């Protein structure tokens, strides 16, 4: 996270896995356009008018139980959504070789959010 971008940006792009090459490329592009870009865990006590969250889902990598995975994603979602003062979009994406339906703990959270948010699936 670049602290000198924090005060100059009106939008943030936050994500849960920074080692993803795609996100590193996006990060370079949005810094030029004054969009704050960093990991979800680096956003405590910060807010922006608009936030885009990229949340990668990988059920095979986890050694936790399904309940522990659900709690972990719920915690990440709460932290991410609470960074936005006005608008927040969350993009969930599965890792290569998976689908979102492979991540039942994430899909359960999405199902619970349907009454509170607009959910678009592709």
C-alpha atoms as a PDB file:
ATOM      1  CA  UNK A   1       0.000   0.000   0.000  1.00  0.00           C
ATOM      2  CA  UNK A   2       1.253   3.414  -0.886  1.00  0.00           C
ATOM      3  CA  UNK A   3       0.433   5.884   1.879  1.00  0.00           C
ATOM      4  CA  UNK A   4       1.091   8.890  -0.365  1.00  0.00           C
ATOM      5  CA  UNK A   5      -1.826   7.789  -2.602  1.00  0.00           C
ATOM      6  CA  UNK A   6      -4.247   7.464   0.316  1.00  0.00           C
ATOM      7  CA  UNK A   7      -5.078  11.150   0.710  1.00  0.00           C
ATOM      8  CA  UNK A   8      -5.304  11.837  -3.042  1.00  0.00           C
ATOM      9  CA  UNK A   9      -7.718   9.106  -4.075  1.00  0.00           C
ATOM     10  CA  UNK A  10     -11.507   9.059  -4.116  1.00  0.00           C
ATOM     11  CA  UNK A  11     -11.696   5.384  -4.957  1.00  0.00           C
ATOM     12  CA  UNK A  12      -9.986   2.216  -3.799  1.00  0.00           C
ATOM     13  CA  UNK A  13      -9.374  -1.144  -5.393  1.00  0.00           C
ATOM     14  CA  UNK A  14      -8.757  -3.690  -2.647  1.00  0.00           C
ATOM     15  CA  UNK A  15      -8.094  -7.398  -2.891  1.00  0.00           C
ATOM     16  CA  UNK A  16      -7.250 -10.431  -0.776  1.00  0.00           C
ATOM     17  CA  UNK A  17      -4.358 -11.961  -2.761  1.00  0.00           C
ATOM     18  CA  UNK A  18      -1.595  -9.572  -3.818  1.00  0.00           C
ATOM     19  CA  UNK A  19       0.646 -12.180  -5.411  1.00  0.00           C
ATOM     20  CA  UNK A  20      -1.748 -12.594  -8.324  1.00  0.00           C
ATOM     21  CA  UNK A  21       0.024 -11.270 -11.460  1.00  0.00           C
ATOM     22  CA  UNK A  22      -3.213  -9.810 -12.805  1.00  0.00           C
ATOM     23  CA  UNK A  23      -3.692  -7.730  -9.675  1.00  0.00           C
ATOM     24  CA  UNK A  24      -0.120  -6.485  -9.796  1.00  0.00           C
ATOM     25  CA  UNK A  25      -0.717  -5.235 -13.353  1.00  0.00           C
ATOM     26  CA  UNK A  26      -4.009  -3.611 -12.344  1.00  0.00           C
ATOM     27  CA  UNK A  27      -2.303  -1.984  -9.372  1.00  0.00           C
ATOM     28  CA  UNK A  28       0.276  -0.289 -11.622  1.00  0.00           C
ATOM     29  CA  UNK A  29      -2.452   1.045 -13.901  1.00  0.00           C
ATOM     30  CA  UNK A  30      -4.756   2.411 -11.219  1.00  0.00           C
ATOM     31  CA  UNK A  31      -1.963   4.165  -9.293  1.00  0.00           C
ATOM     32  CA  UNK A  32      -1.459   6.331 -12.356  1.00  0.00           C
ATOM     33  CA  UNK A  33      -5.168   7.187 -12.290  1.00  0.00           C
ATOM     34  CA  UNK A  34      -5.166   8.043  -8.564  1.00  0.00           C
ATOM     35  CA  UNK A  35      -7.042   4.968  -7.425  1.00  0.00           C
ATOM     36  CA  UNK A  36      -5.756   3.599  -4.127  1.00  0.00           C
ATOM     37  CA  UNK A  37      -4.851  -0.071  -4.546  1.00  0.00           C
ATOM     38  CA  UNK A  38      -3.867  -2.520  -1.796  1.00  0.00           C
ATOM     39  CA  UNK A  39      -4.703  -5.697   0.104  1.00  0.00           C
ATOM     40  CA  UNK A  40      -7.832  -5.806   2.249  1.00  0.00           C
ATOM     41  CA  UNK A  41      -5.743  -6.378   5.369  1.00  0.00           C
ATOM     42  CA  UNK A  42      -3.971  -3.027   4.783  1.00  0.00           C
ATOM     43  CA  UNK A  43      -7.162  -0.952   4.841  1.00  0.00           C
ATOM     44  CA  UNK A  44      -7.991  -0.753   8.559  1.00  0.00           C
ATOM     45  CA  UNK A  45      -9.294   2.698   9.609  1.00  0.00           C
ATOM     46  CA  UNK A  46      -9.447   3.939   6.018  1.00  0.00           C
ATOM     47  CA  UNK A  47     -12.472   4.908   3.950  1.00  0.00           C
ATOM     48  CA  UNK A  48     -13.206   6.011   0.395  1.00  0.00           C
ATOM     49  CA  UNK A  49     -16.392   7.176  -1.323  1.00  0.00           C
ATOM     50  CA  UNK A  50     -16.206   4.177  -3.666  1.00  0.00           C
ATOM     51  CA  UNK A  51     -14.521   0.794  -3.288  1.00  0.00           C
ATOM     52  CA  UNK A  52     -14.086  -2.122  -5.666  1.00  0.00           C
ATOM     53  CA  UNK A  53     -13.230  -5.410  -3.965  1.00  0.00           C
ATOM     54  CA  UNK A  54     -11.581  -8.289  -5.829  1.00  0.00           C
ATOM     55  CA  UNK A  55     -12.037 -11.387  -3.703  1.00  0.00           C
ATOM     56  CA  UNK A  56     -10.309 -14.546  -4.910  1.00  0.00           C
ATOM     57  CA  UNK A  57     -11.809 -17.818  -3.730  1.00  0.00           C
ATOM     58  CA  UNK A  58      -9.737 -20.974  -3.436  1.00  0.00           C
ATOM     59  CA  UNK A  59     -11.220 -23.880  -1.502  1.00  0.00           C
ATOM     60  CA  UNK A  60      -8.408 -26.335  -2.290  1.00  0.00           C
ATOM     61  CA  UNK A  61      -5.697 -24.244  -0.668  1.00  0.00           C
ATOM     62  CA  UNK A  62      -7.420 -24.072   2.698  1.00  0.00           C
ATOM     63  CA  UNK A  63      -6.775 -26.539   5.501  1.00  0.00           C
ATOM     64  CA  UNK A  64      -9.633 -25.078   7.558  1.00  0.00           C
ATOM     65  CA  UNK A  65     -13.081 -26.542   8.119  1.00  0.00           C
ATOM     66  CA  UNK A  66     -15.969 -25.153   6.068  1.00  0.00           C
ATOM     67  CA  UNK A  67     -17.168 -23.155   9.085  1.00  0.00           C
ATOM     68  CA  UNK A  68     -13.696 -21.625   9.543  1.00  0.00           C
ATOM     69  CA  UNK A  69     -13.574 -20.762   5.818  1.00  0.00           C
ATOM     70  CA  UNK A  70     -17.009 -19.136   6.027  1.00  0.00           C
ATOM     71  CA  UNK A  71     -15.932 -17.056   9.024  1.00  0.00           C
ATOM     72  CA  UNK A  72     -12.693 -16.033   7.264  1.00  0.00           C
ATOM     73  CA  UNK A  73     -14.522 -14.840   4.122  1.00  0.00           C
ATOM     74  CA  UNK A  74     -17.229 -13.124   6.182  1.00  0.00           C
ATOM     75  CA  UNK A  75     -14.513 -11.225   8.072  1.00  0.00           C
ATOM     76  CA  UNK A  76     -12.810 -10.204   4.806  1.00  0.00           C
ATOM     77  CA  UNK A  77     -16.124  -9.158   3.257  1.00  0.00           C
ATOM     78  CA  UNK A  78     -17.064  -7.070   6.289  1.00  0.00           C
ATOM     79  CA  UNK A  79     -13.714  -5.281   6.356  1.00  0.00           C
ATOM     80  CA  UNK A  80     -13.862  -4.669   2.603  1.00  0.00           C
ATOM     81  CA  UNK A  81     -17.460  -3.415   2.496  1.00  0.00           C
ATOM     82  CA  UNK A  82     -17.003  -1.185   5.531  1.00  0.00           C
ATOM     83  CA  UNK A  83     -14.221   0.744   3.728  1.00  0.00           C
ATOM     84  CA  UNK A  84     -16.799   2.263   1.347  1.00  0.00           C
ATOM     85  CA  UNK A  85     -18.781   5.308   2.464  1.00  0.00           C
ATOM     86  CA  UNK A  86     -21.135   5.422  -0.528  1.00  0.00           C
ATOM     87  CA  UNK A  87     -20.658   2.596  -3.047  1.00  0.00           C
ATOM     88  CA  UNK A  88     -19.038  -0.832  -2.970  1.00  0.00           C
ATOM     89  CA  UNK A  89     -18.799  -3.450  -5.694  1.00  0.00           C
ATOM     90  CA  UNK A  90     -17.473  -6.908  -4.890  1.00  0.00           C
ATOM     91  CA  UNK A  91     -16.135  -9.176  -7.612  1.00  0.00           C
ATOM     92  CA  UNK A  92     -15.743 -12.787  -6.530  1.00  0.00           C
ATOM     93  CA  UNK A  93     -13.601 -14.942  -8.742  1.00  0.00           C
ATOM     94  CA  UNK A  94     -12.524 -18.584  -8.465  1.00  0.00           C
ATOM     95  CA  UNK A  95      -8.963 -19.717  -8.931  1.00  0.00           C
ATOM     96  CA  UNK A  96      -7.944 -21.486 -12.118  1.00  0.00           C
ATOM     97  CA  UNK A  97      -9.566 -24.887 -12.451  1.00  0.00           C
ATOM     98  CA  UNK A  98     -12.386 -24.053 -10.022  1.00  0.00           C
ATOM     99  CA  UNK A  99     -15.833 -22.515 -10.137  1.00  0.00           C
ATOM    100  CA  UNK A 100     -17.493 -20.409  -7.487  1.00  0.00           C
ATOM    101  CA  UNK A 101     -19.833 -23.322  -6.775  1.00  0.00           C
ATOM    102  CA  UNK A 102     -16.727 -25.305  -5.692  1.00  0.00           C
ATOM    103  CA  UNK A 103     -16.419 -22.764  -2.853  1.00  0.00           C
ATOM    104  CA  UNK A 104     -19.573 -23.606  -0.900  1.00  0.00           C
ATOM    105  CA  UNK A 105     -18.567 -21.376   2.032  1.00  0.00           C
ATOM    106  CA  UNK A 106     -18.451 -18.346  -0.291  1.00  0.00           C
ATOM    107  CA  UNK A 107     -21.655 -19.256  -2.110  1.00  0.00           C
ATOM    108  CA  UNK A 108     -23.469 -19.576   1.220  1.00  0.00           C
ATOM    109  CA  UNK A 109     -22.423 -16.003   2.047  1.00  0.00           C
ATOM    110  CA  UNK A 110     -23.572 -14.791  -1.369  1.00  0.00           C
ATOM    111  CA  UNK A 111     -26.953 -16.471  -0.880  1.00  0.00           C
ATOM    112  CA  UNK A 112     -27.343 -14.746   2.490  1.00  0.00           C
ATOM    113  CA  UNK A 113     -26.511 -11.357   0.942  1.00  0.00           C
ATOM    114  CA  UNK A 114     -29.154 -11.622  -1.805  1.00  0.00           C
ATOM    115  CA  UNK A 115     -31.749  -9.820   0.315  1.00  0.00           C
ATOM    116  CA  UNK A 116     -29.325  -6.991   1.148  1.00  0.00           C
ATOM    117  CA  UNK A 117     -27.461  -6.439  -2.121  1.00  0.00           C
ATOM    118  CA  UNK A 118     -27.818  -6.830  -5.849  1.00  0.00           C
ATOM    119  CA  UNK A 119     -26.098 -10.068  -6.854  1.00  0.00           C
ATOM    120  CA  UNK A 120     -25.109 -10.577 -10.491  1.00  0.00           C
ATOM    121  CA  UNK A 121     -23.714 -13.931 -11.543  1.00  0.00           C
ATOM    122  CA  UNK A 122     -21.826 -14.687 -14.776  1.00  0.00           C
END
